[in-house]
């Protein structure tokens, strides 16, 4: 399955990123305006994506405008709202928190904001204490038509959180451990 990342920020959009042509330009505008940006700063997948995007923007995320919170995404959204700041979040988390936030989506829908999710079983030859059979049953169900339907039907309000993307027909080719 997949969803996307979004940049959320204050309604008045102090860096003017709603007019940006792409996410690289949006981040460059945040830096150029020294608009406050709150980072998770926690080495999570979201934090790694954010650092990748700053790199694509050829921008050093540092200085008084850049704040690392070392917190969960929910806490970062709260901090950003309290500070009138921008932050990067996955759409699913944003949908879960948006009703409690004064922020709004400031930038979205750039291919660089793609956020895939996957699942992989731990090798039972390396970790014998894992429940490999249960793991494989979960994987098989997730990529099945029923699992993919459930993923696609999961919504907050009118918004689908994830787009199913597995090809259940390919599962049989990698489901057995040699």
N, C-alpha and C. Protein backbone atom coordinates (compact mmCIF):
# COMPACT_ATOMS: atom_id res chain seq x y z
N UNK A 1 0.84 -1.16 0.00
CA UNK A 1 0.00 0.00 0.00
C UNK A 1 0.89 1.22 0.00
N UNK A 2 0.27 2.35 -0.26
CA UNK A 2 1.01 3.59 -0.21
C UNK A 2 0.07 4.74 0.12
N UNK A 3 0.65 5.82 0.56
CA UNK A 3 -0.01 7.10 0.66
C UNK A 3 1.05 8.13 0.32
N UNK A 4 0.87 9.34 0.74
CA UNK A 4 1.85 10.37 0.43
C UNK A 4 2.13 11.22 1.64
N UNK A 5 3.26 11.88 1.60
CA UNK A 5 3.58 12.88 2.60
C UNK A 5 2.97 14.20 2.18
N UNK A 6 2.72 15.05 3.14
CA UNK A 6 2.25 16.41 2.89
C UNK A 6 3.02 17.34 3.80
N UNK A 7 3.13 18.59 3.37
CA UNK A 7 3.67 19.62 4.26
C UNK A 7 2.47 20.39 4.77
N UNK A 8 2.36 20.45 6.09
CA UNK A 8 1.29 21.24 6.70
C UNK A 8 1.91 22.47 7.33
N UNK A 9 1.09 23.51 7.43
CA UNK A 9 1.59 24.76 7.99
C UNK A 9 0.45 25.68 8.36
N UNK A 10 0.81 26.88 8.80
CA UNK A 10 -0.21 27.84 9.22
C UNK A 10 -1.07 28.32 8.05
N UNK A 11 -2.29 28.71 8.37
CA UNK A 11 -3.23 29.16 7.34
C UNK A 11 -2.68 30.32 6.51
N UNK A 12 -1.96 31.23 7.12
CA UNK A 12 -1.47 32.41 6.39
C UNK A 12 -0.24 32.11 5.53
N UNK A 13 0.30 30.90 5.58
CA UNK A 13 1.38 30.45 4.70
C UNK A 13 2.50 31.48 4.57
N UNK A 14 3.24 31.73 5.66
CA UNK A 14 4.25 32.80 5.65
C UNK A 14 5.35 32.64 4.61
N UNK A 15 5.64 31.43 4.18
CA UNK A 15 6.67 31.22 3.16
C UNK A 15 6.09 31.17 1.75
N UNK A 16 4.78 31.21 1.62
CA UNK A 16 4.14 31.20 0.31
C UNK A 16 4.31 29.89 -0.45
N UNK A 17 4.35 28.76 0.25
CA UNK A 17 4.65 27.50 -0.44
C UNK A 17 3.46 26.93 -1.21
N UNK A 18 2.26 27.43 -0.98
CA UNK A 18 1.12 26.92 -1.75
C UNK A 18 1.27 27.23 -3.23
N UNK A 19 2.08 28.21 -3.56
CA UNK A 19 2.31 28.60 -4.96
C UNK A 19 3.49 27.84 -5.58
N UNK A 20 4.18 27.03 -4.80
CA UNK A 20 5.40 26.35 -5.28
C UNK A 20 5.06 25.37 -6.40
N UNK A 21 5.98 25.22 -7.32
CA UNK A 21 5.83 24.29 -8.44
C UNK A 21 6.07 22.85 -8.02
N UNK A 22 6.89 22.65 -6.98
CA UNK A 22 7.22 21.30 -6.52
C UNK A 22 7.68 21.37 -5.07
N UNK A 23 7.86 20.21 -4.47
CA UNK A 23 8.21 20.17 -3.05
C UNK A 23 9.60 20.73 -2.79
N UNK A 24 10.50 20.59 -3.74
CA UNK A 24 11.85 21.15 -3.58
C UNK A 24 11.76 22.67 -3.47
N UNK A 25 10.96 23.27 -4.33
CA UNK A 25 10.76 24.73 -4.27
C UNK A 25 10.06 25.13 -2.97
N UNK A 26 9.09 24.34 -2.54
CA UNK A 26 8.38 24.63 -1.29
C UNK A 26 9.35 24.67 -0.12
N UNK A 27 10.21 23.67 -0.01
CA UNK A 27 11.18 23.64 1.10
C UNK A 27 12.19 24.79 0.99
N UNK A 28 12.62 25.09 -0.22
CA UNK A 28 13.55 26.20 -0.40
C UNK A 28 12.92 27.52 0.06
N UNK A 29 11.63 27.69 -0.20
CA UNK A 29 10.93 28.90 0.23
C UNK A 29 10.83 28.97 1.76
N UNK A 30 10.59 27.83 2.38
CA UNK A 30 10.56 27.80 3.85
C UNK A 30 11.90 28.27 4.39
N UNK A 31 12.99 27.73 3.84
CA UNK A 31 14.33 28.12 4.29
C UNK A 31 14.63 29.58 3.97
N UNK A 32 14.30 30.01 2.76
CA UNK A 32 14.58 31.40 2.35
C UNK A 32 13.85 32.41 3.23
N UNK A 33 12.65 32.07 3.66
CA UNK A 33 11.87 32.97 4.51
C UNK A 33 12.17 32.77 6.00
N UNK A 34 13.03 31.80 6.30
CA UNK A 34 13.31 31.43 7.70
C UNK A 34 12.01 31.19 8.45
N UNK A 35 11.06 30.59 7.76
CA UNK A 35 9.79 30.21 8.39
C UNK A 35 10.06 29.01 9.28
N UNK A 36 9.46 28.96 10.42
CA UNK A 36 9.74 27.88 11.36
C UNK A 36 9.27 26.55 10.79
N UNK A 37 10.16 25.57 10.87
CA UNK A 37 9.88 24.20 10.43
C UNK A 37 10.21 23.28 11.59
N UNK A 38 9.25 22.44 11.97
CA UNK A 38 9.47 21.49 13.05
C UNK A 38 9.70 20.11 12.45
N UNK A 39 10.84 19.53 12.76
CA UNK A 39 11.22 18.21 12.28
C UNK A 39 10.99 17.18 13.38
N UNK A 40 10.66 15.97 12.98
CA UNK A 40 10.62 14.92 13.99
C UNK A 40 11.99 14.76 14.63
N UNK A 41 13.05 14.79 13.84
CA UNK A 41 14.40 14.71 14.38
C UNK A 41 14.69 13.42 15.10
N UNK A 42 14.01 12.34 14.72
CA UNK A 42 14.10 11.10 15.50
C UNK A 42 14.59 9.89 14.71
N UNK A 43 15.11 10.10 13.53
CA UNK A 43 15.64 9.02 12.68
C UNK A 43 14.53 8.06 12.21
N UNK A 44 13.28 8.51 12.25
CA UNK A 44 12.16 7.72 11.74
C UNK A 44 12.14 7.77 10.22
N UNK A 45 11.28 7.01 9.61
CA UNK A 45 11.13 7.06 8.16
C UNK A 45 10.73 8.44 7.68
N UNK A 46 9.85 9.09 8.42
CA UNK A 46 9.43 10.45 8.06
C UNK A 46 10.62 11.41 8.15
N UNK A 47 11.41 11.29 9.20
CA UNK A 47 12.58 12.15 9.36
C UNK A 47 13.59 11.91 8.23
N UNK A 48 13.80 10.65 7.88
CA UNK A 48 14.73 10.34 6.79
C UNK A 48 14.23 10.91 5.46
N UNK A 49 12.92 10.82 5.22
CA UNK A 49 12.35 11.39 4.00
C UNK A 49 12.54 12.90 3.99
N UNK A 50 12.29 13.52 5.13
CA UNK A 50 12.46 14.97 5.23
C UNK A 50 13.91 15.37 4.89
N UNK A 51 14.88 14.68 5.48
CA UNK A 51 16.28 14.99 5.22
C UNK A 51 16.63 14.79 3.75
N UNK A 52 16.09 13.75 3.14
CA UNK A 52 16.27 13.51 1.71
C UNK A 52 15.73 14.70 0.90
N UNK A 53 14.56 15.18 1.27
CA UNK A 53 13.95 16.29 0.54
C UNK A 53 14.73 17.59 0.72
N UNK A 54 15.25 17.85 1.93
CA UNK A 54 16.10 19.03 2.12
C UNK A 54 17.34 18.92 1.23
N UNK A 55 17.89 17.71 1.12
CA UNK A 55 19.04 17.50 0.24
C UNK A 55 18.71 17.79 -1.21
N UNK A 56 17.54 17.33 -1.66
CA UNK A 56 17.11 17.60 -3.03
C UNK A 56 16.95 19.10 -3.26
N UNK A 57 16.60 19.83 -2.20
CA UNK A 57 16.43 21.28 -2.29
C UNK A 57 17.76 22.03 -2.14
N UNK A 58 18.86 21.28 -1.98
CA UNK A 58 20.18 21.88 -1.75
C UNK A 58 20.13 22.91 -0.63
N UNK A 59 19.44 22.53 0.43
CA UNK A 59 19.23 23.44 1.55
C UNK A 59 19.68 22.78 2.84
N UNK A 60 20.45 23.50 3.62
CA UNK A 60 20.83 23.01 4.94
C UNK A 60 19.71 23.34 5.91
N UNK A 61 19.15 22.30 6.49
CA UNK A 61 18.09 22.48 7.48
C UNK A 61 18.77 22.74 8.82
N UNK A 62 19.02 24.01 9.07
CA UNK A 62 19.70 24.40 10.30
C UNK A 62 19.44 25.87 10.57
N UNK A 63 19.66 26.26 11.77
CA UNK A 63 19.44 27.64 12.15
C UNK A 63 18.24 27.75 13.07
N UNK A 64 17.94 28.97 13.49
CA UNK A 64 16.88 29.19 14.46
C UNK A 64 15.50 28.85 13.91
N UNK A 65 15.34 28.83 12.61
CA UNK A 65 14.04 28.52 12.01
C UNK A 65 13.76 27.01 11.97
N UNK A 66 14.78 26.18 12.11
CA UNK A 66 14.65 24.72 12.01
C UNK A 66 14.73 24.11 13.40
N UNK A 67 13.66 23.43 13.81
CA UNK A 67 13.59 22.87 15.16
C UNK A 67 13.41 21.37 15.11
N UNK A 68 14.27 20.64 15.76
CA UNK A 68 14.13 19.18 15.86
C UNK A 68 13.47 18.86 17.18
N UNK A 69 12.36 18.13 17.12
CA UNK A 69 11.57 17.85 18.31
C UNK A 69 11.90 16.51 18.96
N UNK A 70 12.43 15.56 18.21
CA UNK A 70 12.68 14.20 18.70
C UNK A 70 11.41 13.64 19.36
N UNK A 71 10.29 13.76 18.63
CA UNK A 71 8.99 13.35 19.14
C UNK A 71 8.24 12.56 18.07
N UNK A 72 7.13 11.96 18.47
CA UNK A 72 6.25 11.25 17.55
C UNK A 72 5.58 12.25 16.61
N UNK A 73 4.99 11.74 15.53
CA UNK A 73 4.36 12.62 14.56
C UNK A 73 3.22 13.41 15.17
N UNK A 74 2.42 12.78 16.02
CA UNK A 74 1.33 13.49 16.67
C UNK A 74 1.81 14.66 17.50
N UNK A 75 2.87 14.46 18.26
CA UNK A 75 3.45 15.53 19.09
C UNK A 75 4.03 16.63 18.20
N UNK A 76 4.68 16.24 17.10
CA UNK A 76 5.26 17.23 16.19
C UNK A 76 4.15 18.09 15.58
N UNK A 77 3.04 17.48 15.21
CA UNK A 77 1.92 18.27 14.67
C UNK A 77 1.41 19.25 15.72
N UNK A 78 1.34 18.83 16.97
CA UNK A 78 0.90 19.71 18.05
C UNK A 78 1.89 20.86 18.23
N UNK A 79 3.18 20.55 18.25
CA UNK A 79 4.21 21.58 18.42
C UNK A 79 4.17 22.57 17.26
N UNK A 80 4.08 22.05 16.04
CA UNK A 80 4.03 22.92 14.87
C UNK A 80 2.83 23.86 14.93
N UNK A 81 1.68 23.34 15.34
CA UNK A 81 0.49 24.18 15.46
C UNK A 81 0.70 25.28 16.51
N UNK A 82 1.28 24.91 17.64
CA UNK A 82 1.52 25.89 18.70
C UNK A 82 2.50 26.97 18.27
N UNK A 83 3.44 26.62 17.39
CA UNK A 83 4.45 27.56 16.94
C UNK A 83 4.08 28.28 15.65
N UNK A 84 2.98 27.88 15.02
CA UNK A 84 2.64 28.45 13.72
C UNK A 84 3.68 28.06 12.68
N UNK A 85 4.09 26.80 12.71
CA UNK A 85 5.21 26.32 11.90
C UNK A 85 4.75 25.32 10.84
N UNK A 86 5.66 25.00 9.95
CA UNK A 86 5.47 23.96 8.95
C UNK A 86 6.05 22.65 9.47
N UNK A 87 5.56 21.54 8.95
CA UNK A 87 6.17 20.24 9.20
C UNK A 87 5.78 19.29 8.08
N UNK A 88 6.53 18.21 7.96
CA UNK A 88 6.24 17.14 7.02
C UNK A 88 5.57 16.00 7.78
N UNK A 89 4.47 15.50 7.24
CA UNK A 89 3.76 14.38 7.86
C UNK A 89 3.19 13.47 6.78
N UNK A 90 2.98 12.23 7.14
CA UNK A 90 2.29 11.36 6.20
C UNK A 90 0.80 11.70 6.23
N UNK A 91 0.13 11.50 5.10
CA UNK A 91 -1.28 11.88 4.98
C UNK A 91 -2.16 11.17 6.00
N UNK A 92 -1.89 9.90 6.26
CA UNK A 92 -2.70 9.15 7.21
C UNK A 92 -2.68 9.77 8.59
N UNK A 93 -1.50 10.12 9.08
CA UNK A 93 -1.41 10.76 10.39
C UNK A 93 -2.08 12.13 10.37
N UNK A 94 -1.88 12.87 9.30
CA UNK A 94 -2.53 14.17 9.19
C UNK A 94 -4.05 14.04 9.27
N UNK A 95 -4.60 13.07 8.54
CA UNK A 95 -6.05 12.89 8.56
C UNK A 95 -6.55 12.56 9.96
N UNK A 96 -5.76 11.82 10.70
CA UNK A 96 -6.15 11.46 12.07
C UNK A 96 -6.08 12.66 13.02
N UNK A 97 -5.23 13.65 12.74
CA UNK A 97 -5.02 14.77 13.65
C UNK A 97 -5.60 16.10 13.16
N UNK A 98 -6.01 16.20 11.91
CA UNK A 98 -6.36 17.51 11.35
C UNK A 98 -7.50 18.21 12.09
N UNK A 99 -8.47 17.46 12.60
CA UNK A 99 -9.59 18.09 13.30
C UNK A 99 -9.15 18.78 14.59
N UNK A 100 -7.99 18.35 15.14
CA UNK A 100 -7.48 18.92 16.39
C UNK A 100 -6.41 19.98 16.14
N UNK A 101 -6.20 20.35 14.88
CA UNK A 101 -5.07 21.21 14.54
C UNK A 101 -5.52 22.50 13.86
N UNK A 102 -4.78 23.56 14.11
CA UNK A 102 -5.01 24.82 13.41
C UNK A 102 -4.24 24.88 12.09
N UNK A 103 -3.42 23.87 11.83
CA UNK A 103 -2.64 23.83 10.59
C UNK A 103 -3.52 23.39 9.43
N UNK A 104 -3.00 23.55 8.23
CA UNK A 104 -3.68 23.02 7.04
C UNK A 104 -2.63 22.53 6.06
N UNK A 105 -3.05 21.73 5.10
CA UNK A 105 -2.10 21.26 4.10
C UNK A 105 -1.63 22.46 3.28
N UNK A 106 -0.31 22.64 3.24
CA UNK A 106 0.30 23.74 2.51
C UNK A 106 0.89 23.28 1.19
N UNK A 107 1.35 22.03 1.15
CA UNK A 107 1.88 21.49 -0.11
C UNK A 107 1.67 19.97 -0.13
N UNK A 108 1.28 19.46 -1.33
CA UNK A 108 1.03 18.03 -1.50
C UNK A 108 1.16 17.64 -2.96
N UNK A 109 1.12 16.38 -3.23
CA UNK A 109 0.99 15.77 -4.55
C UNK A 109 2.20 15.92 -5.47
N UNK A 110 3.38 15.90 -4.93
CA UNK A 110 4.60 15.83 -5.72
C UNK A 110 5.05 14.38 -5.71
N UNK A 111 5.53 13.84 -6.83
CA UNK A 111 6.00 12.45 -6.82
C UNK A 111 7.08 12.17 -5.76
N UNK A 112 7.85 13.17 -5.38
CA UNK A 112 8.86 12.98 -4.34
C UNK A 112 8.24 12.73 -2.96
N UNK A 113 6.95 12.99 -2.82
CA UNK A 113 6.27 12.78 -1.54
C UNK A 113 5.63 11.41 -1.43
N UNK A 114 5.89 10.54 -2.40
CA UNK A 114 5.37 9.17 -2.39
C UNK A 114 5.83 8.45 -1.13
N UNK A 115 4.92 7.71 -0.49
CA UNK A 115 5.21 7.05 0.79
C UNK A 115 4.73 5.59 0.74
N UNK A 116 5.59 4.68 0.29
CA UNK A 116 5.18 3.27 0.20
C UNK A 116 5.31 2.56 1.54
N UNK A 117 4.46 1.56 1.74
CA UNK A 117 4.52 0.70 2.91
C UNK A 117 4.68 -0.73 2.41
N UNK A 118 5.47 -1.51 3.08
CA UNK A 118 5.66 -2.90 2.70
C UNK A 118 5.79 -3.78 3.93
N UNK A 119 5.81 -5.06 3.69
CA UNK A 119 5.98 -6.03 4.77
C UNK A 119 6.91 -7.11 4.28
N UNK A 120 7.78 -7.56 5.16
CA UNK A 120 8.73 -8.61 4.80
C UNK A 120 8.93 -9.50 6.03
N UNK A 121 8.99 -10.76 5.80
CA UNK A 121 9.18 -11.71 6.91
C UNK A 121 10.65 -11.76 7.30
N UNK A 122 10.89 -11.93 8.58
CA UNK A 122 12.24 -12.16 9.10
C UNK A 122 12.65 -13.57 8.72
N UNK A 123 13.88 -13.75 8.34
CA UNK A 123 14.40 -15.06 7.95
C UNK A 123 14.42 -15.99 9.16
N UNK A 124 13.62 -17.07 9.14
CA UNK A 124 13.58 -17.98 10.29
C UNK A 124 14.89 -18.73 10.52
N UNK A 125 15.73 -18.84 9.49
CA UNK A 125 17.02 -19.48 9.67
C UNK A 125 17.95 -18.62 10.54
N UNK A 126 17.73 -17.31 10.52
CA UNK A 126 18.54 -16.39 11.32
C UNK A 126 17.90 -16.08 12.67
N UNK A 127 16.58 -16.20 12.74
CA UNK A 127 15.84 -15.87 13.96
C UNK A 127 14.79 -16.95 14.20
N UNK A 128 15.21 -18.04 14.77
CA UNK A 128 14.35 -19.22 14.94
C UNK A 128 13.17 -18.98 15.88
N UNK A 129 13.26 -17.97 16.73
CA UNK A 129 12.18 -17.74 17.70
C UNK A 129 11.02 -16.91 17.13
N UNK A 130 11.06 -16.57 15.85
CA UNK A 130 9.95 -15.83 15.26
C UNK A 130 8.83 -16.77 14.84
N UNK A 131 7.65 -16.21 14.71
CA UNK A 131 6.50 -16.98 14.24
C UNK A 131 6.41 -16.83 12.73
N UNK A 132 7.25 -17.54 12.04
CA UNK A 132 7.32 -17.40 10.59
C UNK A 132 6.02 -17.81 9.91
N UNK A 133 5.43 -18.88 10.39
CA UNK A 133 4.17 -19.33 9.78
C UNK A 133 3.08 -18.26 9.95
N UNK A 134 2.98 -17.67 11.11
CA UNK A 134 2.01 -16.60 11.35
C UNK A 134 2.30 -15.37 10.51
N UNK A 135 3.59 -15.04 10.39
CA UNK A 135 4.00 -13.90 9.57
C UNK A 135 3.59 -14.11 8.13
N UNK A 136 3.86 -15.31 7.62
CA UNK A 136 3.52 -15.60 6.22
C UNK A 136 2.01 -15.58 6.00
N UNK A 137 1.26 -16.02 7.01
CA UNK A 137 -0.21 -15.97 6.90
C UNK A 137 -0.67 -14.51 6.85
N UNK A 138 -0.08 -13.64 7.66
CA UNK A 138 -0.42 -12.23 7.63
C UNK A 138 -0.08 -11.61 6.27
N UNK A 139 1.11 -11.89 5.78
CA UNK A 139 1.51 -11.35 4.47
C UNK A 139 0.55 -11.83 3.39
N UNK A 140 0.25 -13.12 3.41
CA UNK A 140 -0.66 -13.68 2.39
C UNK A 140 -2.01 -12.98 2.45
N UNK A 141 -2.51 -12.73 3.65
CA UNK A 141 -3.80 -12.05 3.77
C UNK A 141 -3.71 -10.60 3.31
N UNK A 142 -2.65 -9.87 3.69
CA UNK A 142 -2.51 -8.47 3.30
C UNK A 142 -2.51 -8.28 1.79
N UNK A 143 -1.87 -9.20 1.06
CA UNK A 143 -1.79 -9.05 -0.40
C UNK A 143 -2.96 -9.72 -1.13
N UNK A 144 -3.83 -10.39 -0.37
CA UNK A 144 -5.00 -11.05 -0.98
C UNK A 144 -6.02 -10.00 -1.41
N UNK A 145 -6.94 -10.37 -2.28
CA UNK A 145 -8.01 -9.43 -2.65
C UNK A 145 -8.78 -8.90 -1.43
N UNK A 146 -9.07 -9.76 -0.45
CA UNK A 146 -9.78 -9.30 0.75
C UNK A 146 -8.94 -8.30 1.54
N UNK A 147 -7.67 -8.58 1.72
CA UNK A 147 -6.78 -7.68 2.45
C UNK A 147 -6.63 -6.35 1.74
N UNK A 148 -6.45 -6.43 0.42
CA UNK A 148 -6.31 -5.20 -0.35
C UNK A 148 -7.60 -4.38 -0.33
N UNK A 149 -8.74 -5.06 -0.36
CA UNK A 149 -10.03 -4.36 -0.27
C UNK A 149 -10.15 -3.64 1.07
N UNK A 150 -9.76 -4.32 2.16
CA UNK A 150 -9.85 -3.71 3.48
C UNK A 150 -8.92 -2.50 3.58
N UNK A 151 -7.73 -2.62 3.04
CA UNK A 151 -6.80 -1.48 3.04
C UNK A 151 -7.42 -0.31 2.27
N UNK A 152 -7.97 -0.59 1.10
CA UNK A 152 -8.57 0.47 0.29
C UNK A 152 -9.81 1.09 0.91
N UNK A 153 -10.53 0.31 1.72
CA UNK A 153 -11.75 0.81 2.34
C UNK A 153 -11.52 1.55 3.65
N UNK A 154 -10.29 1.52 4.18
CA UNK A 154 -10.00 2.17 5.44
C UNK A 154 -10.00 3.68 5.24
N UNK A 155 -10.89 4.36 5.93
CA UNK A 155 -11.08 5.80 5.72
C UNK A 155 -11.21 6.55 7.03
N UNK A 156 -10.88 7.80 6.96
CA UNK A 156 -11.24 8.76 7.99
C UNK A 156 -12.12 9.77 7.27
N UNK A 157 -13.38 9.79 7.64
CA UNK A 157 -14.35 10.62 6.92
C UNK A 157 -14.45 10.13 5.49
N UNK A 158 -14.30 11.04 4.56
CA UNK A 158 -14.35 10.69 3.14
C UNK A 158 -12.97 10.41 2.55
N UNK A 159 -11.94 10.39 3.38
CA UNK A 159 -10.57 10.26 2.90
C UNK A 159 -10.02 8.87 3.11
N UNK A 160 -9.57 8.26 2.02
CA UNK A 160 -8.91 6.97 2.10
C UNK A 160 -7.49 7.19 2.60
N UNK A 161 -7.08 6.41 3.61
CA UNK A 161 -5.75 6.59 4.18
C UNK A 161 -4.65 5.98 3.32
N UNK A 162 -4.92 4.84 2.69
CA UNK A 162 -3.90 4.14 1.92
C UNK A 162 -4.49 3.64 0.61
N UNK A 163 -3.65 3.57 -0.40
CA UNK A 163 -4.02 2.97 -1.68
C UNK A 163 -3.41 1.59 -1.72
N UNK A 164 -4.24 0.56 -1.90
CA UNK A 164 -3.68 -0.80 -1.98
C UNK A 164 -2.85 -0.94 -3.26
N UNK A 165 -1.75 -1.67 -3.18
CA UNK A 165 -0.87 -1.76 -4.34
C UNK A 165 -0.23 -3.13 -4.52
N UNK A 166 -0.66 -4.13 -3.77
CA UNK A 166 -0.06 -5.46 -3.90
C UNK A 166 -0.64 -6.18 -5.11
N UNK A 167 0.16 -7.06 -5.68
CA UNK A 167 -0.31 -7.94 -6.75
C UNK A 167 -0.38 -9.33 -6.13
N UNK A 168 -1.58 -9.70 -5.66
CA UNK A 168 -1.75 -10.97 -4.95
C UNK A 168 -1.31 -12.16 -5.79
N UNK A 169 -1.38 -12.06 -7.09
CA UNK A 169 -0.99 -13.16 -7.96
C UNK A 169 0.49 -13.49 -7.89
N UNK A 170 1.31 -12.54 -7.48
CA UNK A 170 2.75 -12.77 -7.39
C UNK A 170 3.17 -13.38 -6.06
N UNK A 171 2.27 -13.42 -5.09
CA UNK A 171 2.63 -13.87 -3.75
C UNK A 171 3.21 -15.28 -3.75
N UNK A 172 2.62 -16.18 -4.52
CA UNK A 172 3.04 -17.58 -4.48
C UNK A 172 4.52 -17.73 -4.85
N UNK A 173 5.05 -16.82 -5.65
CA UNK A 173 6.44 -16.99 -6.08
C UNK A 173 7.45 -16.67 -4.99
N UNK A 174 7.07 -15.97 -3.93
CA UNK A 174 8.04 -15.67 -2.89
C UNK A 174 7.57 -16.09 -1.50
N UNK A 175 6.54 -16.89 -1.42
CA UNK A 175 5.98 -17.23 -0.10
C UNK A 175 6.68 -18.37 0.59
N UNK A 176 7.51 -19.10 -0.10
CA UNK A 176 8.19 -20.24 0.53
C UNK A 176 9.64 -19.89 0.80
N UNK A 177 10.11 -20.35 1.92
CA UNK A 177 11.52 -20.12 2.29
C UNK A 177 12.31 -21.34 1.86
N UNK A 178 13.41 -21.11 1.17
CA UNK A 178 14.26 -22.23 0.74
C UNK A 178 15.15 -22.71 1.87
